[in-house]
Amino acid sequence: LLNQVICMVDTSSLLPGEYTGQVEIASITERALPRTLQFHLQVVPVRLDALPDVEICDIGMMAEYASESIKPLGLNTFSVPAQWIIPDYDAQTERVTVDFTRVSVLVRERLAACPDARFWIGFGVGAVIAGHAERNLGISATDPRFDAYVRGWTQAVVEGFQHLGTGPERLILETVDEPGAGQMELAARISRLVHAANPQVRTQTYVTSFHADDEACARMYEAHDIIGLIRTSVSQESVAFLREHGKQIWVYDCQGNAEEFDPISYYRLLPWLGWRHGLEGWGHFSWLDSMRGRDYAPWEGVAEQSLVYPALDGGQVISR
C-alpha cells in the first residue's frame, strides 16, 4: 500500500532563501528499518493575500469531536443540529415555538471562541421540520397550514438567535440535504417560505450533482441563496451558471469519499477549489462511517479523515 508523505513547514520566521534537511520515516504497519528522506525547501519573498470573508463550515458539528485539532482549518460557520430546533405547535392558536435550551449552550460557546461566528442549521432542517409536521402534527406539505407553520418556525428561530446576540444575516438554513428528484420542489418551497418570513436568513442545500438543464434542479437553485456543490461538480460551467443567477457557492465532499482521501486532498483541495473559482465557502464533512468495522472513535482528531490500513496485530492503523 502506498500513501503520500506530507511535510508541512512553517515559513513565517524564515528569510527568503534555500534550505535543506531530512525527515526520518518509520513504518507503523511493517517491521522495517526507518528510512531517511532528504528535502529541499525554497522560500520566496511572496506573501499571499489574506483569505476573503469565506465561510468555512464544520458540517455536522465536527468542532465537538476535534475542537483542538481543527483550529487550523479556520472554521467560522458552525453546525446546529436540525433535531435541536424541532418546533412545538399549538393547533388552536397555530403558534410555533422552539426550545433553545440546548442551542443556547452551543451558540454561546461558539461565539466565545469566534465572535463573528455564523450558524448553519442542518442536516436538511427543512425536511426535518416538514417530516415532524406530517408525522406528529398531521400537517402535510399540501395542508393549507403548512406555509404558516414554516414561516412561524423561521420567525421563532430568528428570535431565539437574536436573544443570543446573533442576527438573521448570520443564519444559514439547509432546506434539504443532498435532495433527490422527489425532494427538489419541497426544498425550493421551504426556501421561499423562509425568505418570506425573514429575507435576511440565507437558505442553502448541498447537491451531489449539477444539472443546469433540468427544470426541477434549476428551480431549486433559483430558490436558494447558497448552492453547495460536491467537489466533482465544481467547474467553470457550473460556477458560471450559478453566478449568472446571483448565487453564492460552497464546495464540499461527502462522507464516503472523504474516508478514502489523503488529508492533503480533503483539507487542501476544498480551500484550493474555493480560491480557484472564487467561491464563498466550503464545508468539511465531519462524520465517518461506523458501519465499516473500524475500531477507532471518529474524530479524535483530523487524522481520522484519512487512509486506514490493517495493523500487524489486528485492528486498523490510521495513516498519519
Protein backbone atom coordinates (compact mmCIF):
# COMPACT_ATOMS: atom_id res chain seq x y z
CA LEU A 1 0.00 0.00 0.00
CA LEU A 2 1.25 3.44 -0.88
CA ASN A 3 0.48 6.77 0.70
CA GLN A 4 1.81 10.25 0.33
CA VAL A 5 4.20 11.64 2.89
CA ILE A 6 3.14 15.15 3.78
CA CYS A 7 5.61 17.50 5.36
CA MET A 8 4.33 20.89 6.48
CA VAL A 9 6.82 23.65 7.17
CA ASP A 10 6.03 26.91 8.93
CA THR A 11 7.98 29.51 6.95
CA SER A 12 6.68 32.54 8.80
CA SER A 13 10.01 33.10 10.58
CA LEU A 14 12.30 32.12 7.67
CA LEU A 15 14.05 34.58 5.44
CA PRO A 16 13.85 34.02 1.68
CA GLY A 17 16.46 31.54 0.52
CA GLU A 18 17.36 27.87 0.05
CA TYR A 19 17.03 25.36 2.89
CA THR A 20 17.79 21.65 3.10
CA GLY A 21 17.02 18.99 5.67
CA GLN A 22 15.98 15.42 6.17
CA VAL A 23 13.00 13.50 7.52
CA GLU A 24 13.16 10.06 9.12
CA ILE A 25 10.18 7.81 8.44
CA ALA A 26 9.38 4.66 10.40
CA SER A 27 6.67 2.19 9.42
CA ILE A 28 3.75 1.59 11.76
CA THR A 29 2.47 -1.46 9.88
CA GLU A 30 5.70 -3.26 8.94
CA ARG A 31 8.78 -4.06 10.97
CA ALA A 32 11.09 -2.31 8.55
CA LEU A 33 14.11 -0.12 9.19
CA PRO A 34 13.41 3.62 9.25
CA ARG A 35 14.07 5.49 6.04
CA THR A 36 15.59 8.92 5.73
CA LEU A 37 14.39 11.29 3.03
CA GLN A 38 16.25 14.41 2.02
CA PHE A 39 14.26 17.51 1.22
CA HIS A 40 14.91 20.89 -0.32
CA LEU A 41 12.88 23.98 0.55
CA GLN A 42 12.89 27.24 -1.33
CA VAL A 43 11.37 30.22 0.46
CA VAL A 44 10.44 33.01 -1.93
CA PRO A 45 9.70 36.62 -0.95
CA VAL A 46 5.98 36.39 -1.62
CA ARG A 47 3.12 36.81 0.82
CA LEU A 48 -0.28 35.56 -0.24
CA ASP A 49 -3.26 37.79 0.24
CA ALA A 50 -5.39 37.11 3.28
CA LEU A 51 -8.38 34.85 2.69
CA PRO A 52 -11.51 36.75 1.77
CA ASP A 53 -14.51 36.51 4.03
CA VAL A 54 -15.17 32.89 3.12
CA GLU A 55 -17.44 30.71 5.21
CA ILE A 56 -15.76 27.54 6.46
CA CYS A 57 -18.31 25.15 7.91
CA ASP A 58 -17.98 22.13 10.18
CA ILE A 59 -20.71 20.10 8.52
CA GLY A 60 -22.24 18.04 11.31
CA MET A 61 -20.65 19.57 14.42
CA MET A 62 -17.08 18.49 13.71
CA ALA A 63 -15.99 21.04 16.31
CA GLU A 64 -17.50 18.84 19.01
CA TYR A 65 -15.19 15.96 18.18
CA ALA A 66 -11.95 17.66 17.26
CA SER A 67 -12.08 21.17 18.66
CA GLU A 68 -8.33 21.44 19.12
CA SER A 69 -7.04 19.66 16.05
CA ILE A 70 -9.29 21.51 13.61
CA LYS A 71 -8.39 25.02 14.69
CA PRO A 72 -6.01 25.48 11.73
CA LEU A 73 -8.95 24.96 9.37
CA GLY A 74 -10.21 28.43 10.23
CA LEU A 75 -13.79 27.42 10.98
CA ASN A 76 -16.18 30.33 11.28
CA THR A 77 -19.53 28.73 10.44
CA PHE A 78 -20.78 26.21 12.97
CA SER A 79 -23.37 23.45 12.78
CA VAL A 80 -26.54 23.40 14.82
CA PRO A 81 -28.34 20.03 14.61
CA ALA A 82 -31.73 20.25 12.96
CA GLN A 83 -33.19 17.96 15.62
CA TRP A 84 -32.40 20.55 18.30
CA ILE A 85 -34.85 23.08 16.93
CA ILE A 86 -37.87 20.98 16.06
CA PRO A 87 -40.82 23.25 16.83
CA ASP A 88 -43.71 22.97 19.23
CA TYR A 89 -47.03 23.78 17.61
CA ASP A 90 -50.27 24.93 19.23
CA ALA A 91 -53.06 23.72 16.96
CA GLN A 92 -55.62 26.12 18.44
CA THR A 93 -53.58 29.32 18.09
CA GLU A 94 -51.26 27.97 15.33
CA ARG A 95 -48.41 29.46 17.32
CA VAL A 96 -44.96 27.95 16.69
CA THR A 97 -42.25 27.96 19.36
CA VAL A 98 -38.75 26.49 19.62
CA ASP A 99 -36.96 25.39 22.78
CA PHE A 100 -33.47 26.95 22.68
CA THR A 101 -32.11 25.30 25.84
CA ARG A 102 -29.52 23.14 24.07
CA VAL A 103 -28.90 25.56 21.23
CA SER A 104 -28.08 28.42 23.58
CA VAL A 105 -25.24 26.48 25.21
CA LEU A 106 -23.70 25.63 21.85
CA VAL A 107 -24.09 29.12 20.42
CA ARG A 108 -22.55 30.84 23.46
CA GLU A 109 -19.56 28.50 23.32
CA ARG A 110 -19.03 29.17 19.63
CA LEU A 111 -19.41 32.92 19.99
CA ALA A 112 -16.90 32.97 22.84
CA ALA A 113 -14.32 31.38 20.53
CA CYS A 114 -15.39 33.16 17.34
CA PRO A 115 -17.34 36.39 17.94
CA ASP A 116 -18.24 36.71 14.24
CA ALA A 117 -19.49 33.12 14.02
CA ARG A 118 -22.23 32.17 11.61
CA PHE A 119 -24.51 29.20 12.18
CA TRP A 120 -25.52 26.51 9.69
CA ILE A 121 -28.62 24.56 10.68
CA GLY A 122 -28.68 21.08 9.18
CA PHE A 123 -28.75 18.39 8.02
CA GLY A 124 -31.78 19.29 5.93
CA VAL A 125 -33.62 21.18 8.62
CA GLY A 126 -36.44 21.98 6.21
CA ALA A 127 -37.05 18.32 5.54
CA VAL A 128 -36.77 17.58 9.27
CA ILE A 129 -39.45 20.05 10.32
CA ALA A 130 -41.66 19.05 7.37
CA GLY A 131 -41.39 15.41 8.40
CA HIS A 132 -42.13 16.31 12.01
CA ALA A 133 -45.22 18.25 10.95
CA GLU A 134 -46.59 15.38 8.89
CA ARG A 135 -45.83 12.60 11.39
CA ASN A 136 -46.68 14.33 14.65
CA LEU A 137 -48.93 17.28 13.83
CA GLY A 138 -50.97 15.99 10.92
CA ILE A 139 -49.75 18.84 8.70
CA SER A 140 -48.56 17.63 5.32
CA ALA A 141 -46.88 19.82 2.71
CA THR A 142 -50.24 20.06 0.93
CA ASP A 143 -52.07 21.20 4.07
CA PRO A 144 -53.15 24.87 4.00
CA ARG A 145 -51.50 25.29 7.41
CA PHE A 146 -48.06 24.24 6.17
CA ASP A 147 -46.93 27.64 4.90
CA ALA A 148 -47.81 29.42 8.15
CA TYR A 149 -46.13 26.62 10.09
CA VAL A 150 -42.80 27.05 8.25
CA ARG A 151 -42.94 30.84 8.45
CA GLY A 152 -43.75 30.71 12.16
CA TRP A 153 -40.89 28.29 12.77
CA THR A 154 -38.48 30.57 10.88
CA GLN A 155 -39.53 33.58 12.96
CA ALA A 156 -39.12 31.59 16.19
CA VAL A 157 -35.61 30.51 15.16
CA VAL A 158 -34.63 34.07 14.26
CA GLU A 159 -35.93 35.40 17.57
CA GLY A 160 -34.10 32.69 19.51
CA PHE A 161 -30.77 33.52 17.86
CA GLN A 162 -31.33 37.24 18.26
CA HIS A 163 -31.66 36.75 22.02
CA LEU A 164 -28.22 35.13 21.86
CA GLY A 165 -26.70 38.08 20.01
CA THR A 166 -26.82 36.60 16.52
CA GLY A 167 -28.77 38.38 13.82
CA PRO A 168 -30.61 36.69 10.94
CA GLU A 169 -27.88 37.65 8.47
CA ARG A 170 -25.61 35.13 10.25
CA LEU A 171 -28.05 32.22 9.92
CA ILE A 172 -27.91 29.63 7.14
CA LEU A 173 -30.72 27.08 6.94
CA GLU A 174 -30.16 23.95 4.88
CA THR A 175 -33.57 23.10 3.46
CA VAL A 176 -32.88 19.56 2.24
CA ASP A 177 -29.55 17.75 2.37
CA GLU A 178 -28.44 16.23 -0.96
CA PRO A 179 -32.01 16.29 -2.33
CA GLY A 180 -33.19 13.59 -4.68
CA ALA A 181 -35.58 14.07 -7.57
CA GLY A 182 -38.64 13.92 -5.31
CA GLN A 183 -37.32 16.47 -2.83
CA MET A 184 -36.34 19.39 -5.02
CA GLU A 185 -39.75 21.03 -5.08
CA LEU A 186 -40.01 20.75 -1.29
CA ALA A 187 -36.55 22.30 -0.90
CA ALA A 188 -37.47 25.20 -3.18
CA ARG A 189 -40.80 25.76 -1.44
CA ILE A 190 -39.33 25.77 2.06
CA SER A 191 -36.61 28.17 0.91
CA ARG A 192 -39.20 30.60 -0.41
CA LEU A 193 -41.18 30.36 2.84
CA VAL A 194 -38.08 31.07 4.91
CA HIS A 195 -37.35 34.14 2.79
CA ALA A 196 -40.94 35.29 3.17
CA ALA A 197 -40.61 35.08 6.94
CA ASN A 198 -37.23 36.84 7.03
CA PRO A 199 -35.36 37.75 3.84
CA GLN A 200 -32.07 38.18 5.73
CA VAL A 201 -31.86 34.47 6.55
CA ARG A 202 -29.94 32.58 3.88
CA THR A 203 -31.02 29.19 2.63
CA GLN A 204 -28.67 26.52 1.36
CA THR A 205 -28.53 22.98 0.04
CA TYR A 206 -25.68 20.57 -0.66
CA VAL A 207 -26.09 18.83 -4.03
CA THR A 208 -24.39 15.65 -5.22
CA SER A 209 -24.51 16.62 -8.90
CA PHE A 210 -25.23 19.64 -11.07
CA HIS A 211 -27.84 19.81 -13.84
CA ALA A 212 -28.47 23.27 -15.26
CA ASP A 213 -30.72 21.84 -18.00
CA ASP A 214 -33.09 20.09 -15.55
CA GLU A 215 -36.12 22.26 -14.76
CA ALA A 216 -36.61 20.96 -11.21
CA CYS A 217 -32.93 21.46 -10.42
CA ALA A 218 -32.95 24.95 -11.92
CA ARG A 219 -35.97 25.94 -9.82
CA MET A 220 -34.26 24.62 -6.70
CA TYR A 221 -31.05 26.51 -7.48
CA GLU A 222 -33.03 29.69 -8.08
CA ALA A 223 -34.88 29.47 -4.75
CA HIS A 224 -31.74 29.18 -2.59
CA ASP A 225 -29.09 31.69 -1.64
CA ILE A 226 -26.22 29.18 -1.40
CA ILE A 227 -25.63 26.09 -3.50
CA GLY A 228 -23.08 23.69 -2.02
CA LEU A 229 -21.58 21.80 -4.96
CA ILE A 230 -19.95 18.46 -4.38
CA ARG A 231 -16.27 18.58 -5.28
CA THR A 232 -16.65 16.75 -8.58
CA SER A 233 -19.35 19.18 -9.78
CA VAL A 234 -17.25 22.32 -9.38
CA SER A 235 -16.37 23.52 -12.87
CA GLN A 236 -16.21 26.71 -14.85
CA GLU A 237 -19.62 25.87 -16.32
CA SER A 238 -21.41 25.19 -13.03
CA VAL A 239 -19.85 28.19 -11.33
CA ALA A 240 -20.72 30.47 -14.28
CA PHE A 241 -24.34 29.29 -14.30
CA LEU A 242 -24.84 29.88 -10.60
CA ARG A 243 -23.04 33.24 -10.76
CA GLU A 244 -25.37 34.35 -13.55
CA HIS A 245 -28.27 33.58 -11.25
CA GLY A 246 -26.78 35.51 -8.33
CA LYS A 247 -26.00 32.52 -6.14
CA GLN A 248 -23.30 32.08 -3.54
CA ILE A 249 -21.36 28.84 -3.99
CA TRP A 250 -19.80 26.47 -1.48
CA VAL A 251 -17.90 23.25 -2.15
CA TYR A 252 -17.88 20.06 -0.07
CA ASP A 253 -17.27 16.36 -0.31
CA CYS A 254 -19.30 13.73 1.42
CA GLN A 255 -18.68 11.05 4.00
CA GLY A 256 -17.93 8.05 1.80
CA ASN A 257 -15.42 9.89 -0.37
CA ALA A 258 -13.74 11.66 2.49
CA GLU A 259 -12.87 8.44 4.28
CA GLU A 260 -10.62 7.44 1.40
CA PHE A 261 -8.95 10.79 0.92
CA ASP A 262 -5.48 11.61 1.98
CA PRO A 263 -5.72 14.65 4.27
CA ILE A 264 -3.97 16.81 1.71
CA SER A 265 -6.91 16.21 -0.60
CA TYR A 266 -9.65 16.80 1.92
CA TYR A 267 -8.15 19.68 3.83
CA ARG A 268 -6.29 21.38 0.97
CA LEU A 269 -8.34 20.60 -2.12
CA LEU A 270 -11.56 22.21 -0.90
CA PRO A 271 -9.89 25.54 0.01
CA TRP A 272 -7.95 25.40 -3.25
CA LEU A 273 -11.15 24.96 -5.25
CA GLY A 274 -12.66 27.82 -3.29
CA TRP A 275 -9.72 30.04 -4.17
CA ARG A 276 -9.52 28.84 -7.78
CA HIS A 277 -13.16 29.63 -8.54
CA GLY A 278 -13.72 32.47 -6.09
CA LEU A 279 -16.27 30.53 -4.06
CA GLU A 280 -17.85 31.90 -0.90
CA GLY A 281 -17.26 28.90 1.30
CA TRP A 282 -16.60 25.22 1.82
CA GLY A 283 -17.67 22.57 4.26
CA HIS A 284 -15.60 19.89 5.98
CA PHE A 285 -17.81 16.87 6.45
CA SER A 286 -17.40 15.56 9.96
CA TRP A 287 -18.73 12.04 10.02
CA LEU A 288 -17.07 8.72 9.40
CA ASP A 289 -18.96 5.57 8.54
CA SER A 290 -19.15 3.47 11.71
CA MET A 291 -20.57 0.52 9.77
CA ARG A 292 -17.26 -0.44 8.17
CA GLY A 293 -15.87 -2.31 11.16
CA ARG A 294 -13.44 0.39 12.19
CA ASP A 295 -12.24 0.18 15.79
CA TYR A 296 -11.35 3.83 16.38
CA ALA A 297 -13.51 6.64 17.67
CA PRO A 298 -14.44 9.02 14.84
CA TRP A 299 -12.90 12.45 15.06
CA GLU A 300 -10.41 12.04 17.84
CA GLY A 301 -8.51 14.35 15.51
CA VAL A 302 -8.41 15.32 11.87
CA ALA A 303 -6.04 12.47 11.03
CA GLU A 304 -9.01 10.11 11.18
CA GLN A 305 -10.23 11.50 7.88
CA SER A 306 -7.50 9.63 6.05
CA LEU A 307 -6.50 6.23 4.77
CA VAL A 308 -6.77 3.31 7.17
CA TYR A 309 -4.53 0.24 6.98
CA PRO A 310 -4.68 -3.18 8.66
CA ALA A 311 -2.33 -3.41 11.62
CA LEU A 312 0.12 -6.26 12.18
CA ASP A 313 -1.56 -7.27 15.42
CA GLY A 314 -5.13 -6.86 14.23
CA GLY A 315 -7.43 -3.89 14.03
CA GLN A 316 -6.65 -0.83 11.97
CA VAL A 317 -4.00 1.84 11.86
CA ILE A 318 -4.78 5.38 10.77
CA SER A 319 -2.34 6.82 8.26
CA ARG A 320 -0.80 9.97 9.63
